[in-house]
Every structure is written in C-alpha cells, then in structure tokens.
Amino acid sequence: MQEREAINEVLLNINELPLDDSDVVEDINIAVVVSKVLDISRKQILGQGWNFNRTTRDLVPNIDEYIIIPKSFLAVDGASDTDNYTVRDSKLFDKTNVSFRFTSPVSCEIIEDIVFDDIPYVFANYIVKSASLMTYSNIVGDANGVQIRATQLNEAKINAIRTDANEIDGNLLTSTYITDLSDKTSI
C-alpha cells in the first residue's frame, strides 16, 4: 500500500473526498492532518517491534567512543538480558556503567522505523485502521462510527499478529516470541 492510498482510505473513513492524482497533500488541510495522524500511528505500531522491522546488530563506537543512534531507530536494547542500554541525546547509554563511552562493538536489538511505502500490506492496513479510528473519533465523533472503526482496527491488529507469528520460526520452549506476542495482544 502506498502512503497516498492510505491517506485516501482515511479520508474516505471520515466522509471526505479522496485526493485526485493532481492534488498535493500539503495544499489540502484535512489531508495534512491525516498525513500527520498516519505518521503517529505508523510510529506507534512499528514501535511495538515486528519481525520485519526488528533486527539484532553490532553497533560500533566512533573514534570518540560514542555509539551514535540514527533517527531511523525507534528503539534500541541490548541483545542479552544482562545488557542495560538506553538512548540519550542520540547516543547509546550504558545504564549499568553510567557511561556513553564504548570501546568495542555492542550487540543490540533494534526496532527500525520504515517509510510507509515499504511496510508490508497487512501492517500498513493495521496502521491505516488505527489512523482512521483516531481521525474519525476526533473529527466526526459519532459513537456508532467509532465502534465500527474500533472493530476494524481489532481485526487488522489480529491479522498483523497472525502474520508476524507466521513469519517467525519460534520454538515455544526457547523463543522469547511468546512473551513479545503477549505484549502485543495486551495493547
């Protein structure tokens, strides 16, 4: 799904006309609002960490012994349970040693931000349903319409969780995926 398609779907969900091919999003106020809400929903949902945007990498310190964290990383955590890292001032911070300085590479689990057009369809649909509910409840506010969109959001969430589970070769006895899955279902 392309971002423009997503904007149009949200616009239709709030009873607005979709954009024509010649329309520029920035020229239409409601389209700008929808675009911003889509961005918020995208970051919230991607921030949960899914199989397609979660990876483990070795982060290498620069010459000053800092590990600079790109803006495209939504979250960074140590790859092992004993690592206690966070991001402060766009740098990796070791909470155990109370230091920004690292002398060797650090293995971290990364949750990456991904541009809308590159998100797999099932997850893009989940983002669109989230943005539709948020926009509809704030602009239209009809209780029945909110309930319908909340149901659509829950169905999209279930599909996203199912897709994510199918993409993981998890082992019930050794995988942390079950814990991750329970975290997503309680949101």
Protein backbone atom coordinates (compact mmCIF):
# COMPACT_ATOMS: atom_id res chain seq x y z
CA MET A 1 0.00 0.00 0.00
CA GLN A 2 1.32 3.42 -0.91
CA GLU A 3 1.05 6.34 1.52
CA ARG A 4 -1.24 8.25 -0.83
CA GLU A 5 -3.64 5.27 -0.90
CA ALA A 6 -3.56 5.23 2.90
CA ILE A 7 -4.36 8.93 3.10
CA ASN A 8 -7.27 8.41 0.72
CA GLU A 9 -8.61 5.49 2.75
CA VAL A 10 -8.55 7.56 5.95
CA LEU A 11 -10.19 10.48 4.14
CA LEU A 12 -12.98 8.19 2.95
CA ASN A 13 -13.38 6.88 6.52
CA ILE A 14 -14.15 10.42 7.72
CA ASN A 15 -16.52 11.09 4.83
CA GLU A 16 -14.09 13.31 2.90
CA LEU A 17 -13.32 13.12 -0.79
CA PRO A 18 -10.11 11.27 -1.68
CA LEU A 19 -7.21 13.09 -3.29
CA ASP A 20 -7.01 13.21 -7.07
CA ASP A 21 -3.73 12.37 -8.78
CA SER A 22 -3.14 16.08 -9.33
CA ASP A 23 -3.77 17.07 -5.67
CA VAL A 24 -0.82 17.92 -3.47
CA VAL A 25 -1.23 16.72 0.12
CA GLU A 26 0.33 19.88 1.57
CA ASP A 27 -2.28 22.05 -0.21
CA ILE A 28 -5.28 20.40 1.46
CA ASN A 29 -5.63 20.96 5.20
CA ILE A 30 -7.54 17.77 6.03
CA ALA A 31 -5.02 15.72 4.02
CA VAL A 32 -2.17 17.29 6.02
CA VAL A 33 -3.93 16.32 9.27
CA VAL A 34 -4.50 12.77 8.01
CA SER A 35 -0.85 12.50 6.92
CA LYS A 36 0.31 13.54 10.40
CA VAL A 37 -2.06 11.10 12.10
CA LEU A 38 -0.82 8.32 9.79
CA ASP A 39 2.74 9.16 10.82
CA ILE A 40 1.82 8.97 14.51
CA SER A 41 0.04 5.63 14.01
CA ARG A 42 2.95 4.28 11.94
CA LYS A 43 5.48 5.04 14.67
CA GLN A 44 3.23 3.68 17.43
CA ILE A 45 2.63 0.41 15.63
CA LEU A 46 6.15 -0.04 14.27
CA GLY A 47 7.49 0.78 17.75
CA GLN A 48 5.98 -2.47 19.02
CA GLY A 49 8.69 -4.30 17.07
CA TRP A 50 7.60 -6.78 14.43
CA ASN A 51 9.55 -9.47 12.65
CA PHE A 52 10.04 -7.24 9.59
CA ASN A 53 11.42 -4.23 11.48
CA ARG A 54 13.28 -5.84 14.37
CA THR A 55 16.87 -6.95 13.96
CA THR A 56 19.97 -7.62 16.01
CA ARG A 57 23.09 -5.68 15.02
CA ASP A 58 26.52 -4.90 16.32
CA LEU A 59 26.72 -1.15 16.86
CA VAL A 60 30.25 0.21 16.54
CA PRO A 61 31.58 3.18 18.53
CA ASN A 62 33.04 6.12 16.63
CA ILE A 63 36.55 7.46 17.18
CA ASP A 64 35.33 9.36 20.27
CA GLU A 65 33.97 6.07 21.72
CA TYR A 66 30.31 7.09 21.26
CA ILE A 67 27.70 4.98 19.52
CA ILE A 68 25.51 7.40 17.58
CA ILE A 69 21.94 6.18 17.14
CA PRO A 70 20.25 7.11 13.84
CA LYS A 71 16.80 8.73 13.88
CA SER A 72 15.52 5.70 11.96
CA PHE A 73 15.87 3.54 15.10
CA LEU A 74 12.64 3.65 17.11
CA ALA A 75 14.13 1.58 19.93
CA VAL A 76 17.47 0.09 20.92
CA ASP A 77 18.02 -2.52 23.59
CA GLY A 78 20.87 -4.82 24.49
CA ALA A 79 20.75 -8.18 22.75
CA SER A 80 21.18 -10.10 26.01
CA ASP A 81 19.13 -9.87 29.19
CA THR A 82 22.11 -8.55 31.13
CA ASP A 83 22.65 -5.54 28.84
CA ASN A 84 21.08 -2.36 30.19
CA TYR A 85 21.17 0.28 27.45
CA THR A 86 19.03 3.22 26.52
CA VAL A 87 19.27 6.10 24.07
CA ARG A 88 20.04 9.59 25.35
CA ASP A 89 20.92 12.61 23.25
CA SER A 90 21.02 10.37 20.12
CA LYS A 91 23.76 8.23 21.68
CA LEU A 92 23.73 4.78 23.25
CA PHE A 93 23.97 4.99 27.03
CA ASP A 94 25.10 2.12 29.27
CA LYS A 95 22.91 2.38 32.38
CA THR A 96 24.90 -0.23 34.28
CA ASN A 97 28.23 1.57 33.91
CA VAL A 98 26.61 5.02 33.69
CA SER A 99 28.54 5.89 30.55
CA PHE A 100 28.14 6.96 26.94
CA ARG A 101 31.57 5.55 26.05
CA PHE A 102 32.15 2.16 24.48
CA THR A 103 35.49 0.68 23.47
CA SER A 104 34.13 -2.23 21.43
CA PRO A 105 31.05 -3.06 19.34
CA VAL A 106 27.83 -3.71 21.23
CA SER A 107 25.20 -6.22 20.13
CA CYS A 108 21.76 -4.60 20.25
CA GLU A 109 18.21 -5.40 19.28
CA ILE A 110 16.98 -2.61 17.00
CA ILE A 111 13.42 -1.64 16.12
CA GLU A 112 13.61 0.31 12.89
CA ASP A 113 11.32 2.99 11.54
CA ILE A 114 10.29 2.20 7.98
CA VAL A 115 8.80 4.55 5.40
CA PHE A 116 5.14 3.83 4.82
CA ASP A 117 5.52 2.64 1.23
CA ASP A 118 7.92 -0.13 2.33
CA ILE A 119 5.73 -1.58 5.09
CA PRO A 120 4.14 -4.97 4.31
CA TYR A 121 0.46 -4.65 3.38
CA VAL A 122 -1.03 -6.33 6.47
CA PHE A 123 0.86 -3.94 8.77
CA ALA A 124 0.12 -0.91 6.58
CA ASN A 125 -3.57 -1.82 6.81
CA TYR A 126 -3.28 -2.00 10.61
CA ILE A 127 -1.72 1.48 10.61
CA VAL A 128 -4.48 2.83 8.34
CA LYS A 129 -7.21 1.38 10.58
CA SER A 130 -5.53 2.94 13.63
CA ALA A 131 -5.28 6.32 11.90
CA SER A 132 -8.88 6.02 10.70
CA LEU A 133 -10.16 5.43 14.22
CA MET A 134 -8.06 8.24 15.67
CA THR A 135 -9.12 10.70 12.95
CA TYR A 136 -12.79 9.68 12.96
CA SER A 137 -13.13 9.89 16.74
CA ASN A 138 -11.51 13.34 16.81
CA ILE A 139 -13.23 14.87 13.79
CA VAL A 140 -16.60 13.11 13.41
CA GLY A 141 -17.07 11.56 16.83
CA ASP A 142 -20.23 9.54 16.14
CA ALA A 143 -20.27 6.72 18.72
CA ASN A 144 -21.58 4.10 16.28
CA GLY A 145 -18.94 5.03 13.70
CA VAL A 146 -16.22 4.92 16.34
CA GLN A 147 -17.35 1.41 17.35
CA ILE A 148 -17.28 0.21 13.74
CA ARG A 149 -13.76 1.57 13.23
CA ALA A 150 -12.61 0.09 16.55
CA THR A 151 -13.82 -3.33 15.38
CA GLN A 152 -11.99 -2.87 12.06
CA LEU A 153 -8.84 -1.89 13.98
CA ASN A 154 -9.05 -5.01 16.16
CA GLU A 155 -9.44 -7.22 13.07
CA ALA A 156 -6.43 -5.56 11.42
CA LYS A 157 -4.41 -6.00 14.63
CA ILE A 158 -5.27 -9.71 14.77
CA ASN A 159 -4.20 -10.11 11.13
CA ALA A 160 -0.92 -8.32 11.85
CA ILE A 161 -0.20 -10.51 14.88
CA ARG A 162 -1.07 -13.65 12.90
CA THR A 163 1.18 -12.60 10.02
CA ASP A 164 4.02 -11.78 12.39
CA ALA A 165 3.64 -15.16 14.13
CA ASN A 166 3.67 -16.98 10.79
CA GLU A 167 6.92 -15.26 9.79
CA ILE A 168 8.77 -16.38 12.92
CA ASP A 169 10.20 -19.84 13.30
CA GLY A 170 9.55 -19.80 17.03
CA ASN A 171 10.12 -22.58 19.48
CA LEU A 172 7.71 -22.50 22.40
CA LEU A 173 10.39 -23.69 24.82
CA THR A 174 13.26 -21.41 23.79
CA SER A 175 11.82 -18.41 21.98
CA THR A 176 11.11 -15.01 23.51
CA TYR A 177 8.49 -14.55 20.79
CA ILE A 178 5.70 -15.82 23.05
CA THR A 179 6.45 -13.02 25.53
CA ASP A 180 6.59 -10.48 22.70
CA LEU A 181 3.29 -11.80 21.34
CA SER A 182 1.57 -11.49 24.70
CA ASP A 183 2.82 -7.90 24.97
CA LYS A 184 1.21 -7.06 21.61
CA THR A 185 -2.11 -8.69 22.42
CA SER A 186 -2.48 -6.74 25.64
CA ILE A 187 -2.13 -3.34 23.97
